[in-house]
Amino acid sequence: MILEFRLPKISPHMSGATVEFLHSQAAALKAGAKVLDISVDLGGAFTQDCPPVSYYRFVMREPAFLREIKATPGQLYAVDELLAIFSTEPEESLDQSPARGVRVTVAGIMHYPGMWSSGT
């Protein structure tokens, strides 16, 4: 079965997010494996003294094979934009339409060195 990962809307005011770090490349991923980190900047939605930027990590809730990663660190993606393709079997044809979204969980995280926005 082909599974897709699209950028979910984490906040009602969010229109997109920047990919900060890719934890996984094409490989078999177990439940609990880190996929990628993003930053969400709500500065355009609200006037504030400090930038309202939040960071999030997506983690697998089910085992799957990461077949294609379409995300690039530093790139801004719109909500619902396709970021990755997964499959339940390692050699499944990617010519078929995705059956559903891959199951992930999202967690708020702190900014860390190594993120795209940290410049390291």
N, C-alpha and C. Protein backbone atom coordinates (compact mmCIF):
# COMPACT_ATOMS: atom_id res chain seq x y z
N MET A 1 0.85 -1.16 0.00
CA MET A 1 0.00 0.00 0.00
C MET A 1 0.91 1.24 0.00
N ILE A 2 0.57 2.21 -0.81
CA ILE A 2 1.31 3.45 -0.88
C ILE A 2 0.70 4.45 0.11
N LEU A 3 1.57 5.11 0.86
CA LEU A 3 1.16 6.07 1.88
C LEU A 3 1.84 7.41 1.58
N GLU A 4 1.19 8.49 1.92
CA GLU A 4 1.77 9.81 1.67
C GLU A 4 1.89 10.59 2.97
N PHE A 5 2.81 11.54 2.99
CA PHE A 5 2.92 12.46 4.11
C PHE A 5 2.82 13.86 3.56
N ARG A 6 1.76 14.56 3.94
CA ARG A 6 1.53 15.95 3.55
C ARG A 6 1.67 16.82 4.79
N LEU A 7 2.12 18.04 4.59
CA LEU A 7 2.30 18.96 5.71
C LEU A 7 0.95 19.24 6.36
N PRO A 8 0.79 18.83 7.62
CA PRO A 8 -0.50 19.08 8.29
C PRO A 8 -0.57 20.50 8.84
N LYS A 9 -1.78 20.95 9.06
CA LYS A 9 -2.01 22.26 9.66
C LYS A 9 -1.97 22.08 11.17
N ILE A 10 -0.91 22.59 11.79
CA ILE A 10 -0.70 22.41 13.23
C ILE A 10 -1.38 23.52 14.02
N SER A 11 -1.47 24.69 13.42
CA SER A 11 -2.08 25.86 14.06
C SER A 11 -3.13 26.44 13.12
N PRO A 12 -4.23 26.96 13.64
CA PRO A 12 -5.26 27.51 12.75
C PRO A 12 -4.77 28.69 11.90
N HIS A 13 -3.69 29.36 12.34
CA HIS A 13 -3.17 30.52 11.61
C HIS A 13 -2.01 30.16 10.69
N MET A 14 -1.64 28.90 10.65
CA MET A 14 -0.49 28.44 9.87
C MET A 14 -0.87 28.28 8.40
N SER A 15 -0.03 28.83 7.52
CA SER A 15 -0.25 28.63 6.08
C SER A 15 0.85 27.79 5.46
N GLY A 16 1.95 27.63 6.18
CA GLY A 16 3.07 26.85 5.68
C GLY A 16 4.13 26.67 6.75
N ALA A 17 5.21 25.97 6.40
CA ALA A 17 6.30 25.72 7.33
C ALA A 17 7.60 25.52 6.56
N THR A 18 8.69 25.77 7.23
CA THR A 18 10.01 25.55 6.66
C THR A 18 10.57 24.25 7.21
N VAL A 19 11.09 23.41 6.32
CA VAL A 19 11.73 22.17 6.76
C VAL A 19 13.08 22.56 7.36
N GLU A 20 13.32 22.13 8.59
CA GLU A 20 14.54 22.46 9.31
C GLU A 20 15.58 21.34 9.28
N PHE A 21 15.13 20.09 9.35
CA PHE A 21 16.07 18.97 9.41
C PHE A 21 15.39 17.69 8.94
N LEU A 22 16.08 16.92 8.12
CA LEU A 22 15.60 15.60 7.69
C LEU A 22 16.32 14.54 8.52
N HIS A 23 15.58 13.77 9.27
CA HIS A 23 16.17 12.72 10.09
C HIS A 23 16.28 11.40 9.33
N SER A 24 15.50 11.24 8.29
CA SER A 24 15.43 9.95 7.59
C SER A 24 15.63 10.13 6.10
N GLN A 25 16.24 9.15 5.51
CA GLN A 25 16.36 9.03 4.06
C GLN A 25 15.62 7.75 3.68
N ALA A 26 15.63 7.39 2.40
CA ALA A 26 14.93 6.19 1.96
C ALA A 26 15.42 4.99 2.78
N ALA A 27 14.52 4.41 3.55
CA ALA A 27 14.86 3.30 4.44
C ALA A 27 13.61 2.75 5.08
N ALA A 28 13.75 1.58 5.71
CA ALA A 28 12.67 1.03 6.52
C ALA A 28 12.65 1.79 7.84
N LEU A 29 11.50 2.33 8.19
CA LEU A 29 11.37 3.08 9.44
C LEU A 29 10.43 2.34 10.39
N LYS A 30 10.81 2.29 11.63
CA LYS A 30 9.99 1.68 12.67
C LYS A 30 9.12 2.73 13.32
N ALA A 31 8.10 2.29 14.02
CA ALA A 31 7.31 3.22 14.84
C ALA A 31 8.27 3.87 15.83
N GLY A 32 8.18 5.18 15.97
CA GLY A 32 9.06 5.92 16.86
C GLY A 32 10.24 6.57 16.14
N ALA A 33 10.44 6.24 14.85
CA ALA A 33 11.55 6.84 14.09
C ALA A 33 11.24 8.29 13.78
N LYS A 34 12.24 9.16 13.91
CA LYS A 34 12.10 10.57 13.57
C LYS A 34 12.10 10.71 12.06
N VAL A 35 11.20 11.56 11.54
CA VAL A 35 11.12 11.77 10.10
C VAL A 35 11.74 13.12 9.74
N LEU A 36 11.16 14.21 10.23
CA LEU A 36 11.70 15.54 9.93
C LEU A 36 11.22 16.55 10.95
N ASP A 37 11.95 17.69 10.99
CA ASP A 37 11.60 18.81 11.86
C ASP A 37 11.24 20.00 10.99
N ILE A 38 10.30 20.81 11.49
CA ILE A 38 9.87 22.01 10.77
C ILE A 38 9.84 23.20 11.71
N SER A 39 9.80 24.39 11.13
CA SER A 39 9.53 25.61 11.90
C SER A 39 8.30 26.27 11.30
N VAL A 40 7.49 26.82 12.17
CA VAL A 40 6.28 27.53 11.76
C VAL A 40 6.41 28.96 12.26
N ASP A 41 6.36 29.91 11.33
CA ASP A 41 6.48 31.33 11.65
C ASP A 41 5.11 31.98 11.49
N LEU A 42 4.53 32.43 12.59
CA LEU A 42 3.23 33.08 12.54
C LEU A 42 3.36 34.60 12.56
N GLY A 43 4.56 35.11 12.23
CA GLY A 43 4.82 36.54 12.23
C GLY A 43 3.92 37.32 11.30
N GLY A 44 3.48 36.73 10.21
CA GLY A 44 2.60 37.41 9.28
C GLY A 44 1.17 37.50 9.78
N ALA A 45 0.82 36.64 10.73
CA ALA A 45 -0.56 36.60 11.23
C ALA A 45 -0.78 37.54 12.41
N PHE A 46 0.29 37.84 13.14
CA PHE A 46 0.16 38.65 14.36
C PHE A 46 1.29 39.67 14.44
N THR A 47 1.01 40.84 14.99
CA THR A 47 2.03 41.84 15.27
C THR A 47 2.55 41.57 16.67
N GLN A 48 3.88 41.32 16.78
CA GLN A 48 4.47 41.00 18.08
C GLN A 48 5.85 41.61 18.16
N ASP A 49 6.36 41.73 19.40
CA ASP A 49 7.71 42.24 19.62
C ASP A 49 8.79 41.21 19.26
N CYS A 50 8.49 39.93 19.45
CA CYS A 50 9.45 38.88 19.13
C CYS A 50 8.81 37.96 18.08
N PRO A 51 9.63 37.33 17.27
CA PRO A 51 9.06 36.49 16.20
C PRO A 51 8.37 35.26 16.79
N PRO A 52 7.11 35.05 16.44
CA PRO A 52 6.38 33.87 16.94
C PRO A 52 6.70 32.63 16.10
N VAL A 53 7.87 32.06 16.35
CA VAL A 53 8.32 30.88 15.61
C VAL A 53 8.27 29.68 16.54
N SER A 54 7.69 28.59 16.07
CA SER A 54 7.61 27.34 16.83
C SER A 54 8.26 26.24 16.01
N TYR A 55 8.77 25.23 16.70
CA TYR A 55 9.46 24.12 16.04
C TYR A 55 8.74 22.82 16.40
N TYR A 56 8.67 21.93 15.41
CA TYR A 56 7.94 20.67 15.58
C TYR A 56 8.71 19.53 14.94
N ARG A 57 8.50 18.33 15.49
CA ARG A 57 9.11 17.11 14.95
C ARG A 57 7.99 16.12 14.62
N PHE A 58 8.14 15.46 13.48
CA PHE A 58 7.21 14.40 13.08
C PHE A 58 7.89 13.05 13.31
N VAL A 59 7.16 12.15 13.97
CA VAL A 59 7.67 10.84 14.35
C VAL A 59 6.69 9.78 13.86
N MET A 60 7.22 8.68 13.35
CA MET A 60 6.38 7.59 12.83
C MET A 60 5.56 6.95 13.94
N ARG A 61 4.29 6.66 13.63
CA ARG A 61 3.42 5.91 14.54
C ARG A 61 3.19 4.50 14.04
N GLU A 62 3.75 4.19 12.87
CA GLU A 62 3.60 2.85 12.29
C GLU A 62 4.87 2.55 11.49
N PRO A 63 5.20 1.28 11.31
CA PRO A 63 6.34 0.97 10.47
C PRO A 63 5.98 1.18 9.00
N ALA A 64 6.93 1.66 8.22
CA ALA A 64 6.73 1.86 6.78
C ALA A 64 8.09 2.08 6.13
N PHE A 65 8.11 1.95 4.82
CA PHE A 65 9.33 2.18 4.05
C PHE A 65 9.27 3.58 3.45
N LEU A 66 10.21 4.42 3.82
CA LEU A 66 10.30 5.75 3.22
C LEU A 66 10.89 5.58 1.84
N ARG A 67 10.10 5.89 0.81
CA ARG A 67 10.52 5.64 -0.57
C ARG A 67 11.04 6.89 -1.25
N GLU A 68 10.37 8.02 -1.03
CA GLU A 68 10.79 9.28 -1.63
C GLU A 68 10.59 10.41 -0.64
N ILE A 69 11.63 11.19 -0.44
CA ILE A 69 11.50 12.39 0.37
C ILE A 69 11.51 13.58 -0.60
N LYS A 70 10.48 14.37 -0.54
CA LYS A 70 10.34 15.49 -1.46
C LYS A 70 10.68 16.81 -0.79
N ALA A 71 10.97 16.76 0.50
CA ALA A 71 11.29 17.95 1.29
C ALA A 71 12.78 18.24 1.24
N THR A 72 13.10 19.52 1.32
CA THR A 72 14.48 19.99 1.34
C THR A 72 14.64 20.98 2.49
N PRO A 73 15.67 20.81 3.33
CA PRO A 73 15.87 21.77 4.42
C PRO A 73 16.02 23.20 3.88
N GLY A 74 15.36 24.13 4.57
CA GLY A 74 15.38 25.53 4.17
C GLY A 74 14.25 25.93 3.25
N GLN A 75 13.54 24.95 2.72
CA GLN A 75 12.45 25.21 1.78
C GLN A 75 11.14 25.42 2.55
N LEU A 76 10.36 26.41 2.11
CA LEU A 76 9.04 26.68 2.68
C LEU A 76 8.01 25.87 1.92
N TYR A 77 7.15 25.15 2.64
CA TYR A 77 6.10 24.33 2.04
C TYR A 77 4.74 24.80 2.54
N ALA A 78 3.75 24.73 1.68
CA ALA A 78 2.38 25.10 2.04
C ALA A 78 1.71 23.96 2.78
N VAL A 79 0.72 24.30 3.59
CA VAL A 79 -0.09 23.28 4.26
C VAL A 79 -0.67 22.36 3.19
N ASP A 80 -0.63 21.08 3.44
CA ASP A 80 -1.14 20.01 2.59
C ASP A 80 -0.23 19.70 1.39
N GLU A 81 0.95 20.29 1.34
CA GLU A 81 1.89 19.98 0.27
C GLU A 81 2.56 18.62 0.55
N LEU A 82 2.76 17.83 -0.49
CA LEU A 82 3.35 16.50 -0.36
C LEU A 82 4.83 16.61 0.02
N LEU A 83 5.22 15.95 1.12
CA LEU A 83 6.60 15.98 1.59
C LEU A 83 7.31 14.64 1.44
N ALA A 84 6.56 13.53 1.44
CA ALA A 84 7.21 12.22 1.35
C ALA A 84 6.21 11.15 0.92
N ILE A 85 6.75 10.09 0.32
CA ILE A 85 5.98 8.92 -0.09
C ILE A 85 6.53 7.72 0.66
N PHE A 86 5.64 6.92 1.22
CA PHE A 86 5.99 5.70 1.94
C PHE A 86 5.27 4.52 1.31
N SER A 87 5.68 3.31 1.66
CA SER A 87 4.95 2.11 1.25
C SER A 87 5.01 1.10 2.39
N THR A 88 4.08 0.15 2.35
CA THR A 88 4.06 -0.89 3.38
C THR A 88 4.99 -2.04 3.02
N GLU A 89 5.38 -2.15 1.76
CA GLU A 89 6.32 -3.17 1.28
C GLU A 89 7.49 -2.45 0.60
N PRO A 90 8.70 -3.00 0.69
CA PRO A 90 9.87 -2.27 0.18
C PRO A 90 9.92 -2.08 -1.33
N GLU A 91 9.32 -2.95 -2.10
CA GLU A 91 9.43 -2.88 -3.56
C GLU A 91 8.12 -2.56 -4.26
N GLU A 92 7.15 -2.04 -3.55
CA GLU A 92 5.86 -1.70 -4.17
C GLU A 92 6.03 -0.65 -5.24
N SER A 93 5.25 -0.76 -6.29
CA SER A 93 5.30 0.22 -7.37
C SER A 93 4.72 1.55 -6.88
N LEU A 94 5.43 2.62 -7.19
CA LEU A 94 4.97 3.95 -6.79
C LEU A 94 4.04 4.56 -7.84
N ASP A 95 3.67 3.77 -8.86
CA ASP A 95 2.78 4.25 -9.92
C ASP A 95 1.33 4.37 -9.47
N GLN A 96 0.99 3.74 -8.36
CA GLN A 96 -0.39 3.79 -7.88
C GLN A 96 -0.62 4.99 -6.97
N SER A 97 -1.85 5.38 -6.84
CA SER A 97 -2.20 6.51 -5.98
C SER A 97 -2.07 6.11 -4.51
N PRO A 98 -1.69 7.05 -3.66
CA PRO A 98 -1.62 6.75 -2.23
C PRO A 98 -2.98 6.32 -1.68
N ALA A 99 -2.97 5.31 -0.83
CA ALA A 99 -4.21 4.81 -0.23
C ALA A 99 -4.65 5.68 0.94
N ARG A 100 -3.66 6.27 1.64
CA ARG A 100 -3.95 7.10 2.80
C ARG A 100 -2.67 7.80 3.23
N GLY A 101 -2.82 8.64 4.24
CA GLY A 101 -1.65 9.28 4.82
C GLY A 101 -0.94 8.33 5.77
N VAL A 102 0.37 8.47 5.86
CA VAL A 102 1.13 7.69 6.82
C VAL A 102 0.80 8.23 8.22
N ARG A 103 0.80 7.35 9.20
CA ARG A 103 0.47 7.77 10.56
C ARG A 103 1.71 8.29 11.27
N VAL A 104 1.65 9.56 11.64
CA VAL A 104 2.74 10.20 12.37
C VAL A 104 2.17 10.93 13.57
N THR A 105 3.03 11.24 14.50
CA THR A 105 2.67 12.10 15.61
C THR A 105 3.55 13.33 15.52
N VAL A 106 3.08 14.43 16.07
CA VAL A 106 3.84 15.68 16.03
C VAL A 106 4.09 16.13 17.47
N ALA A 107 5.32 16.62 17.70
CA ALA A 107 5.68 17.11 19.03
C ALA A 107 6.37 18.45 18.89
N GLY A 108 6.06 19.36 19.79
CA GLY A 108 6.78 20.63 19.84
C GLY A 108 8.17 20.38 20.37
N ILE A 109 9.17 21.01 19.75
CA ILE A 109 10.56 20.84 20.17
C ILE A 109 11.22 22.21 20.32
N MET A 110 12.41 22.23 20.89
CA MET A 110 13.20 23.45 21.03
C MET A 110 14.13 23.56 19.82
N HIS A 111 14.49 24.78 19.48
CA HIS A 111 15.48 25.02 18.43
C HIS A 111 16.82 24.42 18.88
N TYR A 112 17.57 23.81 17.97
CA TYR A 112 18.85 23.19 18.31
C TYR A 112 19.87 23.44 17.20
N PRO A 113 21.16 23.41 17.53
CA PRO A 113 22.18 23.54 16.50
C PRO A 113 22.04 22.38 15.51
N GLY A 114 22.22 22.66 14.25
CA GLY A 114 22.06 21.63 13.22
C GLY A 114 20.81 21.85 12.39
N MET A 115 19.87 22.62 12.93
CA MET A 115 18.69 22.98 12.14
C MET A 115 19.12 23.91 11.01
N TRP A 116 18.38 23.91 9.94
CA TRP A 116 18.68 24.77 8.81
C TRP A 116 18.79 26.23 9.24
N SER A 117 17.87 26.69 10.07
CA SER A 117 17.85 28.09 10.49
C SER A 117 18.97 28.47 11.44
N SER A 118 19.68 27.47 12.01
CA SER A 118 20.78 27.79 12.92
C SER A 118 22.06 28.11 12.16
N GLY A 119 22.08 27.79 10.86
CA GLY A 119 23.25 28.08 10.04
C GLY A 119 24.39 27.10 10.24
N THR A 120 24.15 26.02 10.97
CA THR A 120 25.21 25.02 11.18
C THR A 120 24.84 23.69 10.59
